[in-house]
PDB file of N, CA and C in Angstrom:
ATOM      1  N   UNK A   1      11.441  -5.676   7.494  1.00  0.00           N
ATOM      2  CA  UNK A   1      11.992  -5.615   8.836  1.00  0.00           C
ATOM      3  C   UNK A   1      11.163  -6.422   9.830  1.00  0.00           C
ATOM      4  N   UNK A   2       9.833  -6.401   9.636  1.00  0.00           N
ATOM      5  CA  UNK A   2       8.956  -7.030  10.622  1.00  0.00           C
ATOM      6  C   UNK A   2       8.559  -8.450  10.254  1.00  0.00           C
ATOM      7  N   UNK A   3       8.969  -8.902   9.076  1.00  0.00           N
ATOM      8  CA  UNK A   3       8.585 -10.253   8.679  1.00  0.00           C
ATOM      9  C   UNK A   3       7.149 -10.349   8.209  1.00  0.00           C
ATOM     10  N   UNK A   4       6.654  -9.299   7.583  1.00  0.00           N
ATOM     11  CA  UNK A   4       5.331  -9.352   6.974  1.00  0.00           C
ATOM     12  C   UNK A   4       5.445  -8.748   5.579  1.00  0.00           C
ATOM     13  N   UNK A   5       4.429  -8.963   4.763  1.00  0.00           N
ATOM     14  CA  UNK A   5       4.447  -8.452   3.407  1.00  0.00           C
ATOM     15  C   UNK A   5       3.933  -7.025   3.391  1.00  0.00           C
ATOM     16  N   UNK A   6       4.695  -6.118   2.793  1.00  0.00           N
ATOM     17  CA  UNK A   6       4.288  -4.721   2.660  1.00  0.00           C
ATOM     18  C   UNK A   6       4.555  -4.251   1.243  1.00  0.00           C
ATOM     19  N   UNK A   7       3.699  -3.356   0.793  1.00  0.00           N
ATOM     20  CA  UNK A   7       3.817  -2.774  -0.536  1.00  0.00           C
ATOM     21  C   UNK A   7       3.334  -1.344  -0.435  1.00  0.00           C
ATOM     22  N   UNK A   8       4.033  -0.415  -1.095  1.00  0.00           N
ATOM     23  CA  UNK A   8       3.625   0.986  -1.029  1.00  0.00           C
ATOM     24  C   UNK A   8       3.656   1.588  -2.425  1.00  0.00           C
ATOM     25  N   UNK A   9       2.618   2.400  -2.722  1.00  0.00           N
ATOM     26  CA  UNK A   9       2.535   3.041  -4.018  1.00  0.00           C
ATOM     27  C   UNK A   9       1.535   4.186  -3.926  1.00  0.00           C
ATOM     28  N   UNK A  10       1.617   5.118  -4.868  1.00  0.00           N
ATOM     29  CA  UNK A  10       0.664   6.232  -4.894  1.00  0.00           C
ATOM     30  C   UNK A  10      -0.376   6.063  -5.998  1.00  0.00           C
ATOM     31  N   UNK A  11      -0.262   5.011  -6.793  1.00  0.00           N
ATOM     32  CA  UNK A  11      -1.180   4.770  -7.907  1.00  0.00           C
ATOM     33  C   UNK A  11      -2.309   3.840  -7.459  1.00  0.00           C
ATOM     34  N   UNK A  12      -3.551   4.333  -7.435  1.00  0.00           N
ATOM     35  CA  UNK A  12      -4.671   3.500  -6.984  1.00  0.00           C
ATOM     36  C   UNK A  12      -4.844   2.211  -7.790  1.00  0.00           C
ATOM     37  N   UNK A  13      -4.544   2.245  -9.077  1.00  0.00           N
ATOM     38  CA  UNK A  13      -4.682   1.036  -9.909  1.00  0.00           C
ATOM     39  C   UNK A  13      -3.689  -0.030  -9.455  1.00  0.00           C
ATOM     40  N   UNK A  14      -2.468   0.361  -9.198  1.00  0.00           N
ATOM     41  CA  UNK A  14      -1.448  -0.595  -8.734  1.00  0.00           C
ATOM     42  C   UNK A  14      -1.840  -1.149  -7.368  1.00  0.00           C
ATOM     43  N   UNK A  15      -2.338  -0.303  -6.490  1.00  0.00           N
ATOM     44  CA  UNK A  15      -2.778  -0.767  -5.171  1.00  0.00           C
ATOM     45  C   UNK A  15      -3.918  -1.767  -5.315  1.00  0.00           C
ATOM     46  N   UNK A  16      -4.875  -1.500  -6.215  1.00  0.00           N
ATOM     47  CA  UNK A  16      -5.989  -2.432  -6.436  1.00  0.00           C
ATOM     48  C   UNK A  16      -5.490  -3.775  -6.966  1.00  0.00           C
ATOM     49  N   UNK A  17      -4.512  -3.753  -7.855  1.00  0.00           N
ATOM     50  CA  UNK A  17      -3.931  -5.001  -8.367  1.00  0.00           C
ATOM     51  C   UNK A  17      -3.307  -5.781  -7.215  1.00  0.00           C
ATOM     52  N   UNK A  18      -2.584  -5.095  -6.344  1.00  0.00           N
ATOM     53  CA  UNK A  18      -1.932  -5.768  -5.217  1.00  0.00           C
ATOM     54  C   UNK A  18      -2.968  -6.364  -4.263  1.00  0.00           C
ATOM     55  N   UNK A  19      -4.048  -5.649  -4.002  1.00  0.00           N
ATOM     56  CA  UNK A  19      -5.104  -6.172  -3.127  1.00  0.00           C
ATOM     57  C   UNK A  19      -5.746  -7.402  -3.757  1.00  0.00           C
ATOM     58  N   UNK A  20      -5.996  -7.356  -5.057  1.00  0.00           N
ATOM     59  CA  UNK A  20      -6.579  -8.505  -5.758  1.00  0.00           C
ATOM     60  C   UNK A  20      -5.631  -9.696  -5.683  1.00  0.00           C
ATOM     61  N   UNK A  21      -4.348  -9.458  -5.854  1.00  0.00           N
ATOM     62  CA  UNK A  21      -3.347 -10.527  -5.750  1.00  0.00           C
ATOM     63  C   UNK A  21      -3.356 -11.134  -4.345  1.00  0.00           C
ATOM     64  N   UNK A  22      -3.384 -10.267  -3.327  1.00  0.00           N
ATOM     65  CA  UNK A  22      -3.427 -10.762  -1.949  1.00  0.00           C
ATOM     66  C   UNK A  22      -4.675 -11.601  -1.713  1.00  0.00           C
ATOM     67  N   UNK A  23      -5.807 -11.153  -2.244  1.00  0.00           N
ATOM     68  CA  UNK A  23      -7.064 -11.859  -2.046  1.00  0.00           C
ATOM     69  C   UNK A  23      -7.120 -13.158  -2.849  1.00  0.00           C
ATOM     70  N   UNK A  24      -6.857 -13.082  -4.143  1.00  0.00           N
ATOM     71  CA  UNK A  24      -7.035 -14.241  -5.030  1.00  0.00           C
ATOM     72  C   UNK A  24      -5.926 -15.281  -4.915  1.00  0.00           C
ATOM     73  N   UNK A  25      -4.689 -14.838  -4.835  1.00  0.00           N
ATOM     74  CA  UNK A  25      -3.548 -15.761  -4.811  1.00  0.00           C
ATOM     75  C   UNK A  25      -3.164 -16.156  -3.381  1.00  0.00           C
ATOM     76  N   UNK A  26      -3.124 -15.173  -2.506  1.00  0.00           N
ATOM     77  CA  UNK A  26      -2.665 -15.428  -1.135  1.00  0.00           C
ATOM     78  C   UNK A  26      -3.805 -15.741  -0.173  1.00  0.00           C
ATOM     79  N   UNK A  27      -5.047 -15.602  -0.645  1.00  0.00           N
ATOM     80  CA  UNK A  27      -6.243 -15.911   0.151  1.00  0.00           C
ATOM     81  C   UNK A  27      -6.341 -15.065   1.420  1.00  0.00           C
ATOM     82  N   UNK A  28      -5.965 -13.791   1.302  1.00  0.00           N
ATOM     83  CA  UNK A  28      -6.086 -12.863   2.422  1.00  0.00           C
ATOM     84  C   UNK A  28      -7.236 -11.912   2.112  1.00  0.00           C
ATOM     85  N   UNK A  29      -8.312 -11.966   2.886  1.00  0.00           N
ATOM     86  CA  UNK A  29      -9.455 -11.074   2.638  1.00  0.00           C
ATOM     87  C   UNK A  29      -9.073  -9.609   2.843  1.00  0.00           C
ATOM     88  N   UNK A  30      -9.710  -8.740   2.079  1.00  0.00           N
ATOM     89  CA  UNK A  30      -9.423  -7.303   2.154  1.00  0.00           C
ATOM     90  C   UNK A  30      -9.586  -6.766   3.570  1.00  0.00           C
ATOM     91  N   UNK A  31     -10.533  -7.319   4.315  1.00  0.00           N
ATOM     92  CA  UNK A  31     -10.764  -6.819   5.682  1.00  0.00           C
ATOM     93  C   UNK A  31      -9.586  -7.113   6.608  1.00  0.00           C
ATOM     94  N   UNK A  32      -8.701  -8.028   6.222  1.00  0.00           N
ATOM     95  CA  UNK A  32      -7.523  -8.343   7.033  1.00  0.00           C
ATOM     96  C   UNK A  32      -6.285  -7.558   6.589  1.00  0.00           C
ATOM     97  N   UNK A  33      -6.412  -6.812   5.511  1.00  0.00           N
ATOM     98  CA  UNK A  33      -5.294  -6.008   5.022  1.00  0.00           C
ATOM     99  C   UNK A  33      -5.268  -4.695   5.795  1.00  0.00           C
ATOM    100  N   UNK A  34      -4.071  -4.267   6.151  1.00  0.00           N
ATOM    101  CA  UNK A  34      -3.906  -2.997   6.858  1.00  0.00           C
ATOM    102  C   UNK A  34      -3.377  -1.965   5.870  1.00  0.00           C
ATOM    103  N   UNK A  35      -3.864  -0.733   6.031  1.00  0.00           N
ATOM    104  CA  UNK A  35      -3.449   0.348   5.155  1.00  0.00           C
ATOM    105  C   UNK A  35      -2.908   1.504   5.986  1.00  0.00           C
ATOM    106  N   UNK A  36      -1.826   2.101   5.499  1.00  0.00           N
ATOM    107  CA  UNK A  36      -1.286   3.302   6.129  1.00  0.00           C
ATOM    108  C   UNK A  36      -1.031   4.317   5.029  1.00  0.00           C
ATOM    109  N   UNK A  37      -1.632   5.486   5.190  1.00  0.00           N
ATOM    110  CA  UNK A  37      -1.477   6.570   4.232  1.00  0.00           C
ATOM    111  C   UNK A  37      -0.366   7.494   4.697  1.00  0.00           C
ATOM    112  N   UNK A  38       0.589   7.737   3.818  1.00  0.00           N
ATOM    113  CA  UNK A  38       1.672   8.682   4.090  1.00  0.00           C
ATOM    114  C   UNK A  38       1.425   9.917   3.234  1.00  0.00           C
ATOM    115  N   UNK A  39       1.233  11.048   3.891  1.00  0.00           N
ATOM    116  CA  UNK A  39       0.899  12.289   3.188  1.00  0.00           C
ATOM    117  C   UNK A  39       1.521  13.457   3.953  1.00  0.00           C
ATOM    118  N   UNK A  40       1.855  14.494   3.226  1.00  0.00           N
ATOM    119  CA  UNK A  40       2.417  15.675   3.879  1.00  0.00           C
ATOM    120  C   UNK A  40       1.342  16.397   4.689  1.00  0.00           C
ATOM    121  N   UNK A  41       1.733  16.889   5.829  1.00  0.00           N
ATOM    122  CA  UNK A  41       0.812  17.537   6.773  1.00  0.00           C
ATOM    123  C   UNK A  41       0.043  18.697   6.137  1.00  0.00           C
ATOM    124  N   UNK A  42       0.662  19.400   5.208  1.00  0.00           N
ATOM    125  CA  UNK A  42      -0.013  20.549   4.611  1.00  0.00           C
ATOM    126  C   UNK A  42      -1.214  20.146   3.752  1.00  0.00           C
ATOM    127  N   UNK A  43      -1.352  18.844   3.467  1.00  0.00           N
ATOM    128  CA  UNK A  43      -2.489  18.371   2.677  1.00  0.00           C
ATOM    129  C   UNK A  43      -3.574  17.725   3.543  1.00  0.00           C
ATOM    130  N   UNK A  44      -3.455  17.843   4.839  1.00  0.00           N
ATOM    131  CA  UNK A  44      -4.416  17.207   5.751  1.00  0.00           C
ATOM    132  C   UNK A  44      -5.843  17.671   5.471  1.00  0.00           C
ATOM    133  N   UNK A  45      -6.016  18.911   5.076  1.00  0.00           N
ATOM    134  CA  UNK A  45      -7.356  19.457   4.811  1.00  0.00           C
ATOM    135  C   UNK A  45      -8.023  18.802   3.594  1.00  0.00           C
ATOM    136  N   UNK A  46      -7.227  18.129   2.742  1.00  0.00           N
ATOM    137  CA  UNK A  46      -7.786  17.484   1.547  1.00  0.00           C
ATOM    138  C   UNK A  46      -8.458  16.143   1.863  1.00  0.00           C
ATOM    139  N   UNK A  47      -8.263  15.642   3.057  1.00  0.00           N
ATOM    140  CA  UNK A  47      -8.867  14.376   3.496  1.00  0.00           C
ATOM    141  C   UNK A  47      -8.627  13.246   2.489  1.00  0.00           C
ATOM    142  N   UNK A  48      -7.362  13.044   2.170  1.00  0.00           N
ATOM    143  CA  UNK A  48      -6.981  12.024   1.188  1.00  0.00           C
ATOM    144  C   UNK A  48      -7.384  10.622   1.622  1.00  0.00           C
ATOM    145  N   UNK A  49      -7.519  10.416   2.926  1.00  0.00           N
ATOM    146  CA  UNK A  49      -7.949   9.101   3.409  1.00  0.00           C
ATOM    147  C   UNK A  49      -9.348   8.761   2.898  1.00  0.00           C
ATOM    148  N   UNK A  50     -10.182   9.769   2.707  1.00  0.00           N
ATOM    149  CA  UNK A  50     -11.520   9.526   2.156  1.00  0.00           C
ATOM    150  C   UNK A  50     -11.436   9.099   0.690  1.00  0.00           C
ATOM    151  N   UNK A  51     -10.508   9.692  -0.046  1.00  0.00           N
ATOM    152  CA  UNK A  51     -10.289   9.279  -1.431  1.00  0.00           C
ATOM    153  C   UNK A  51      -9.923   7.803  -1.490  1.00  0.00           C
ATOM    154  N   UNK A  52      -8.939   7.398  -0.672  1.00  0.00           N
ATOM    155  CA  UNK A  52      -8.482   6.001  -0.688  1.00  0.00           C
ATOM    156  C   UNK A  52      -9.577   5.056  -0.215  1.00  0.00           C
ATOM    157  N   UNK A  53     -10.317   5.456   0.802  1.00  0.00           N
ATOM    158  CA  UNK A  53     -11.405   4.628   1.318  1.00  0.00           C
ATOM    159  C   UNK A  53     -12.441   4.359   0.225  1.00  0.00           C
ATOM    160  N   UNK A  54     -12.828   5.402  -0.482  1.00  0.00           N
ATOM    161  CA  UNK A  54     -13.813   5.263  -1.559  1.00  0.00           C
ATOM    162  C   UNK A  54     -13.235   4.457  -2.723  1.00  0.00           C
ATOM    163  N   UNK A  55     -12.010   4.761  -3.101  1.00  0.00           N
ATOM    164  CA  UNK A  55     -11.363   4.104  -4.240  1.00  0.00           C
ATOM    165  C   UNK A  55     -11.209   2.599  -4.018  1.00  0.00           C
ATOM    166  N   UNK A  56     -10.846   2.215  -2.793  1.00  0.00           N
ATOM    167  CA  UNK A  56     -10.586   0.801  -2.484  1.00  0.00           C
ATOM    168  C   UNK A  56     -11.793   0.094  -1.868  1.00  0.00           C
ATOM    169  N   UNK A  57     -12.828   0.861  -1.579  1.00  0.00           N
ATOM    170  CA  UNK A  57     -14.032   0.303  -0.942  1.00  0.00           C
ATOM    171  C   UNK A  57     -13.691  -0.372   0.390  1.00  0.00           C
ATOM    172  N   UNK A  58     -12.981   0.386   1.226  1.00  0.00           N
ATOM    173  CA  UNK A  58     -12.665  -0.069   2.581  1.00  0.00           C
ATOM    174  C   UNK A  58     -13.114   1.019   3.549  1.00  0.00           C
ATOM    175  N   UNK A  59     -13.464   0.628   4.775  1.00  0.00           N
ATOM    176  CA  UNK A  59     -13.877   1.647   5.746  1.00  0.00           C
ATOM    177  C   UNK A  59     -12.712   2.559   6.137  1.00  0.00           C
ATOM    178  N   UNK A  60     -13.040   3.798   6.441  1.00  0.00           N
ATOM    179  CA  UNK A  60     -12.010   4.749   6.883  1.00  0.00           C
ATOM    180  C   UNK A  60     -11.217   4.214   8.069  1.00  0.00           C
ATOM    181  N   UNK A  61     -11.876   3.459   8.913  1.00  0.00           N
ATOM    182  CA  UNK A  61     -11.207   2.929  10.110  1.00  0.00           C
ATOM    183  C   UNK A  61     -10.074   1.967   9.763  1.00  0.00           C
ATOM    184  N   UNK A  62     -10.048   1.471   8.537  1.00  0.00           N
ATOM    185  CA  UNK A  62      -9.009   0.532   8.119  1.00  0.00           C
ATOM    186  C   UNK A  62      -7.761   1.260   7.598  1.00  0.00           C
ATOM    187  N   UNK A  63      -7.851   2.584   7.483  1.00  0.00           N
ATOM    188  CA  UNK A  63      -6.738   3.378   6.962  1.00  0.00           C
ATOM    189  C   UNK A  63      -6.184   4.258   8.069  1.00  0.00           C
ATOM    190  N   UNK A  64      -4.942   4.027   8.429  1.00  0.00           N
ATOM    191  CA  UNK A  64      -4.248   4.867   9.402  1.00  0.00           C
ATOM    192  C   UNK A  64      -3.451   5.911   8.625  1.00  0.00           C
ATOM    193  N   UNK A  65      -3.188   7.052   9.245  1.00  0.00           N
ATOM    194  CA  UNK A  65      -2.505   8.147   8.555  1.00  0.00           C
ATOM    195  C   UNK A  65      -1.225   8.511   9.282  1.00  0.00           C
ATOM    196  N   UNK A  66      -0.180   8.712   8.496  1.00  0.00           N
ATOM    197  CA  UNK A  66       1.066   9.262   9.004  1.00  0.00           C
ATOM    198  C   UNK A  66       1.357  10.519   8.208  1.00  0.00           C
ATOM    199  N   UNK A  67       1.421  11.646   8.891  1.00  0.00           N
ATOM    200  CA  UNK A  67       1.724  12.906   8.239  1.00  0.00           C
ATOM    201  C   UNK A  67       3.230  13.114   8.208  1.00  0.00           C
ATOM    202  N   UNK A  68       3.731  13.492   7.032  1.00  0.00           N
ATOM    203  CA  UNK A  68       5.156  13.723   6.854  1.00  0.00           C
ATOM    204  C   UNK A  68       5.415  15.227   6.859  1.00  0.00           C
ATOM    205  N   UNK A  69       6.503  15.642   7.487  1.00  0.00           N
ATOM    206  CA  UNK A  69       6.842  17.064   7.434  1.00  0.00           C
ATOM    207  C   UNK A  69       7.374  17.424   6.041  1.00  0.00           C
ATOM    208  N   UNK A  70       7.167  18.644   5.627  1.00  0.00           N
ATOM    209  CA  UNK A  70       7.679  19.116   4.346  1.00  0.00           C
ATOM    210  C   UNK A  70       7.905  20.613   4.404  1.00  0.00           C
ATOM    211  N   UNK A  71       8.940  21.086   3.727  1.00  0.00           N
ATOM    212  CA  UNK A  71       9.151  22.545   3.660  1.00  0.00           C
ATOM    213  C   UNK A  71       8.274  23.198   2.579  1.00  0.00           C
ATOM    214  N   UNK A  72       7.646  22.391   1.727  1.00  0.00           N
ATOM    215  CA  UNK A  72       6.864  22.928   0.618  1.00  0.00           C
ATOM    216  C   UNK A  72       5.545  23.515   1.093  1.00  0.00           C
ATOM    217  N   UNK A  73       5.147  24.568   0.442  1.00  0.00           N
ATOM    218  CA  UNK A  73       3.875  25.228   0.761  1.00  0.00           C
ATOM    219  C   UNK A  73       2.876  25.090  -0.384  1.00  0.00           C
ATOM    220  N   UNK A  74       3.364  24.693  -1.559  1.00  0.00           N
ATOM    221  CA  UNK A  74       2.526  24.585  -2.738  1.00  0.00           C
ATOM    222  C   UNK A  74       2.566  23.145  -3.236  1.00  0.00           C
ATOM    223  N   UNK A  75       1.408  22.603  -3.534  1.00  0.00           N
ATOM    224  CA  UNK A  75       1.310  21.236  -4.036  1.00  0.00           C
ATOM    225  C   UNK A  75       1.747  21.207  -5.501  1.00  0.00           C
ATOM    226  N   UNK A  76       2.721  20.364  -5.800  1.00  0.00           N
ATOM    227  CA  UNK A  76       3.265  20.304  -7.162  1.00  0.00           C
ATOM    228  C   UNK A  76       2.425  19.434  -8.080  1.00  0.00           C
ATOM    229  N   UNK A  77       1.808  18.405  -7.531  1.00  0.00           N
ATOM    230  CA  UNK A  77       0.994  17.484  -8.326  1.00  0.00           C
ATOM    231  C   UNK A  77      -0.426  17.517  -7.762  1.00  0.00           C
ATOM    232  N   UNK A  78      -1.342  18.194  -8.441  1.00  0.00           N
ATOM    233  CA  UNK A  78      -2.698  18.350  -7.901  1.00  0.00           C
ATOM    234  C   UNK A  78      -3.446  17.035  -7.677  1.00  0.00           C
ATOM    235  N   UNK A  79      -3.112  15.989  -8.436  1.00  0.00           N
ATOM    236  CA  UNK A  79      -3.803  14.710  -8.296  1.00  0.00           C
ATOM    237  C   UNK A  79      -3.227  13.806  -7.232  1.00  0.00           C
ATOM    238  N   UNK A  80      -2.142  14.217  -6.606  1.00  0.00           N
ATOM    239  CA  UNK A  80      -1.462  13.375  -5.621  1.00  0.00           C
ATOM    240  C   UNK A  80      -2.306  13.225  -4.364  1.00  0.00           C
ATOM    241  N   UNK A  81      -2.534  11.975  -3.964  1.00  0.00           N
ATOM    242  CA  UNK A  81      -3.344  11.677  -2.775  1.00  0.00           C
ATOM    243  C   UNK A  81      -2.551  10.913  -1.730  1.00  0.00           C
ATOM    244  N   UNK A  82      -1.230  11.013  -1.794  1.00  0.00           N
ATOM    245  CA  UNK A  82      -0.373  10.350  -0.829  1.00  0.00           C
ATOM    246  C   UNK A  82       0.055   8.979  -1.295  1.00  0.00           C
ATOM    247  N   UNK A  83       0.941   8.378  -0.540  1.00  0.00           N
ATOM    248  CA  UNK A  83       1.386   7.001  -0.794  1.00  0.00           C
ATOM    249  C   UNK A  83       0.659   6.098   0.195  1.00  0.00           C
ATOM    250  N   UNK A  84       0.144   5.005  -0.313  1.00  0.00           N
ATOM    251  CA  UNK A  84      -0.583   4.078   0.542  1.00  0.00           C
ATOM    252  C   UNK A  84       0.227   2.794   0.707  1.00  0.00           C
ATOM    253  N   UNK A  85       0.456   2.442   1.951  1.00  0.00           N
ATOM    254  CA  UNK A  85       1.155   1.207   2.275  1.00  0.00           C
ATOM    255  C   UNK A  85       0.126   0.119   2.528  1.00  0.00           C
ATOM    256  N   UNK A  86       0.332  -1.016   1.879  1.00  0.00           N
ATOM    257  CA  UNK A  86      -0.519  -2.195   2.045  1.00  0.00           C
ATOM    258  C   UNK A  86       0.287  -3.183   2.872  1.00  0.00           C
ATOM    259  N   UNK A  87      -0.267  -3.633   3.967  1.00  0.00           N
ATOM    260  CA  UNK A  87       0.443  -4.546   4.862  1.00  0.00           C
ATOM    261  C   UNK A  87      -0.461  -5.746   5.123  1.00  0.00           C
ATOM    262  N   UNK A  88       0.070  -6.945   4.856  1.00  0.00           N
ATOM    263  CA  UNK A  88      -0.779  -8.130   4.998  1.00  0.00           C
ATOM    264  C   UNK A  88       0.033  -9.340   5.427  1.00  0.00           C
ATOM    265  N   UNK A  89      -0.695 -10.276   5.999  1.00  0.00           N
ATOM    266  CA  UNK A  89      -0.091 -11.550   6.358  1.00  0.00           C
ATOM    267  C   UNK A  89       0.957 -11.419   7.436  1.00  0.00           C
ATOM    268  N   UNK A  90       1.637 -12.495   7.625  1.00  0.00           N
ATOM    269  CA  UNK A  90       2.689 -12.518   8.626  1.00  0.00           C
ATOM    270  C   UNK A  90       3.953 -13.068   8.005  1.00  0.00           C
ATOM    271  N   UNK A  91       4.740 -13.700   8.829  1.00  0.00           N
ATOM    272  CA  UNK A  91       6.035 -14.188   8.377  1.00  0.00           C
ATOM    273  C   UNK A  91       5.884 -15.275   7.303  1.00  0.00           C
ATOM    274  N   UNK A  92       4.810 -16.057   7.349  1.00  0.00           N
ATOM    275  CA  UNK A  92       4.618 -17.119   6.349  1.00  0.00           C
ATOM    276  C   UNK A  92       4.460 -16.528   4.945  1.00  0.00           C
ATOM    277  N   UNK A  93       3.616 -15.507   4.807  1.00  0.00           N
ATOM    278  CA  UNK A  93       3.440 -14.859   3.508  1.00  0.00           C
ATOM    279  C   UNK A  93       4.724 -14.166   3.073  1.00  0.00           C
ATOM    280  N   UNK A  94       5.398 -13.545   4.012  1.00  0.00           N
ATOM    281  CA  UNK A  94       6.659 -12.876   3.710  1.00  0.00           C
ATOM    282  C   UNK A  94       7.665 -13.871   3.132  1.00  0.00           C
ATOM    283  N   UNK A  95       7.782 -15.029   3.727  1.00  0.00           N
ATOM    284  CA  UNK A  95       8.729 -16.045   3.236  1.00  0.00           C
ATOM    285  C   UNK A  95       8.299 -16.594   1.881  1.00  0.00           C
ATOM    286  N   UNK A  96       7.000 -16.792   1.686  1.00  0.00           N
ATOM    287  CA  UNK A  96       6.508 -17.225   0.373  1.00  0.00           C
ATOM    288  C   UNK A  96       6.889 -16.205  -0.695  1.00  0.00           C
ATOM    289  N   UNK A  97       6.668 -14.937  -0.368  1.00  0.00           N
ATOM    290  CA  UNK A  97       6.986 -13.883  -1.321  1.00  0.00           C
ATOM    291  C   UNK A  97       8.471 -13.883  -1.661  1.00  0.00           C
ATOM    292  N   UNK A  98       9.320 -14.064  -0.663  1.00  0.00           N
ATOM    293  CA  UNK A  98      10.755 -14.122  -0.928  1.00  0.00           C
ATOM    294  C   UNK A  98      11.087 -15.287  -1.860  1.00  0.00           C
ATOM    295  N   UNK A  99      10.429 -16.420  -1.676  1.00  0.00           N
ATOM    296  CA  UNK A  99      10.621 -17.567  -2.562  1.00  0.00           C
ATOM    297  C   UNK A  99      10.149 -17.273  -3.978  1.00  0.00           C
ATOM    298  N   UNK A 100       8.983 -16.634  -4.098  1.00  0.00           N
ATOM    299  CA  UNK A 100       8.477 -16.265  -5.429  1.00  0.00           C
ATOM    300  C   UNK A 100       9.442 -15.295  -6.111  1.00  0.00           C
ATOM    301  N   UNK A 101       9.978 -14.361  -5.330  1.00  0.00           N
ATOM    302  CA  UNK A 101      10.914 -13.383  -5.881  1.00  0.00           C
ATOM    303  C   UNK A 101      12.166 -14.086  -6.405  1.00  0.00           C
ATOM    304  N   UNK A 102      12.733 -14.992  -5.614  1.00  0.00           N
ATOM    305  CA  UNK A 102      13.935 -15.719  -6.039  1.00  0.00           C
ATOM    306  C   UNK A 102      13.661 -16.535  -7.298  1.00  0.00           C
ATOM    307  N   UNK A 103      12.527 -17.231  -7.329  1.00  0.00           N
ATOM    308  CA  UNK A 103      12.162 -18.026  -8.498  1.00  0.00           C
ATOM    309  C   UNK A 103      12.005 -17.170  -9.743  1.00  0.00           C
ATOM    310  N   UNK A 104      11.394 -16.015  -9.583  1.00  0.00           N
ATOM    311  CA  UNK A 104      11.211 -15.101 -10.714  1.00  0.00           C
ATOM    312  C   UNK A 104      12.549 -14.579 -11.210  1.00  0.00           C
ATOM    313  N   UNK A 105      13.419 -14.184 -10.291  1.00  0.00           N
ATOM    314  CA  UNK A 105      14.736 -13.687 -10.684  1.00  0.00           C
ATOM    315  C   UNK A 105      15.539 -14.761 -11.415  1.00  0.00           C
ATOM    316  N   UNK A 106      15.468 -15.995 -10.931  1.00  0.00           N
ATOM    317  CA  UNK A 106      16.169 -17.095 -11.606  1.00  0.00           C
ATOM    318  C   UNK A 106      15.572 -17.336 -12.995  1.00  0.00           C
ATOM    319  N   UNK A 107      14.247 -17.359 -13.091  1.00  0.00           N
ATOM    320  CA  UNK A 107      13.570 -17.586 -14.371  1.00  0.00           C
ATOM    321  C   UNK A 107      13.939 -16.516 -15.395  1.00  0.00           C
ATOM    322  N   UNK A 108      14.037 -15.274 -14.945  1.00  0.00           N
ATOM    323  CA  UNK A 108      14.401 -14.169 -15.832  1.00  0.00           C
ATOM    324  C   UNK A 108      15.902 -14.036 -16.029  1.00  0.00           C
ATOM    325  N   UNK A 109      16.634 -14.945 -15.382  1.00  0.00           N
ATOM    326  CA  UNK A 109      18.117 -14.950 -15.458  1.00  0.00           C
ATOM    327  C   UNK A 109      18.717 -13.621 -15.001  1.00  0.00           C
ATOM    328  N   UNK A 110      18.146 -13.091 -13.944  1.00  0.00           N
ATOM    329  CA  UNK A 110      18.648 -11.850 -13.368  1.00  0.00           C
ATOM    330  C   UNK A 110      19.600 -12.108 -12.202  1.00  0.00           C
ATOM    331  N   UNK A 111      19.686 -13.385 -11.787  1.00  0.00           N
ATOM    332  CA  UNK A 111      20.683 -13.762 -10.761  1.00  0.00           C
ATOM    333  C   UNK A 111      21.384 -15.018 -11.205  1.00  0.00           C
TER     334      UNK A 111
END
């Protein structure tokens, strides 16, 4: 919607791969990447932002938090630390990504 590249996932390994891709391929330093953690309000006491900060080796100040409302009172997945959105670059990277996506779809004969 905003013309920038965004990616969201709850798996720290996938997030690390995406950060490495942004750094190595797109030449965007980690310090320029923005992170937003989406987590249910009832888990605020778990300080999941500290988990992500340590896991990704980024300062807490680089991670913003959005609490989601939920009717649930019991955590179903004890290892869940929220979904982390990775936001980087501007419209130029967004357009490059769209081109890479189209090329990949054509190569795989999916379009």
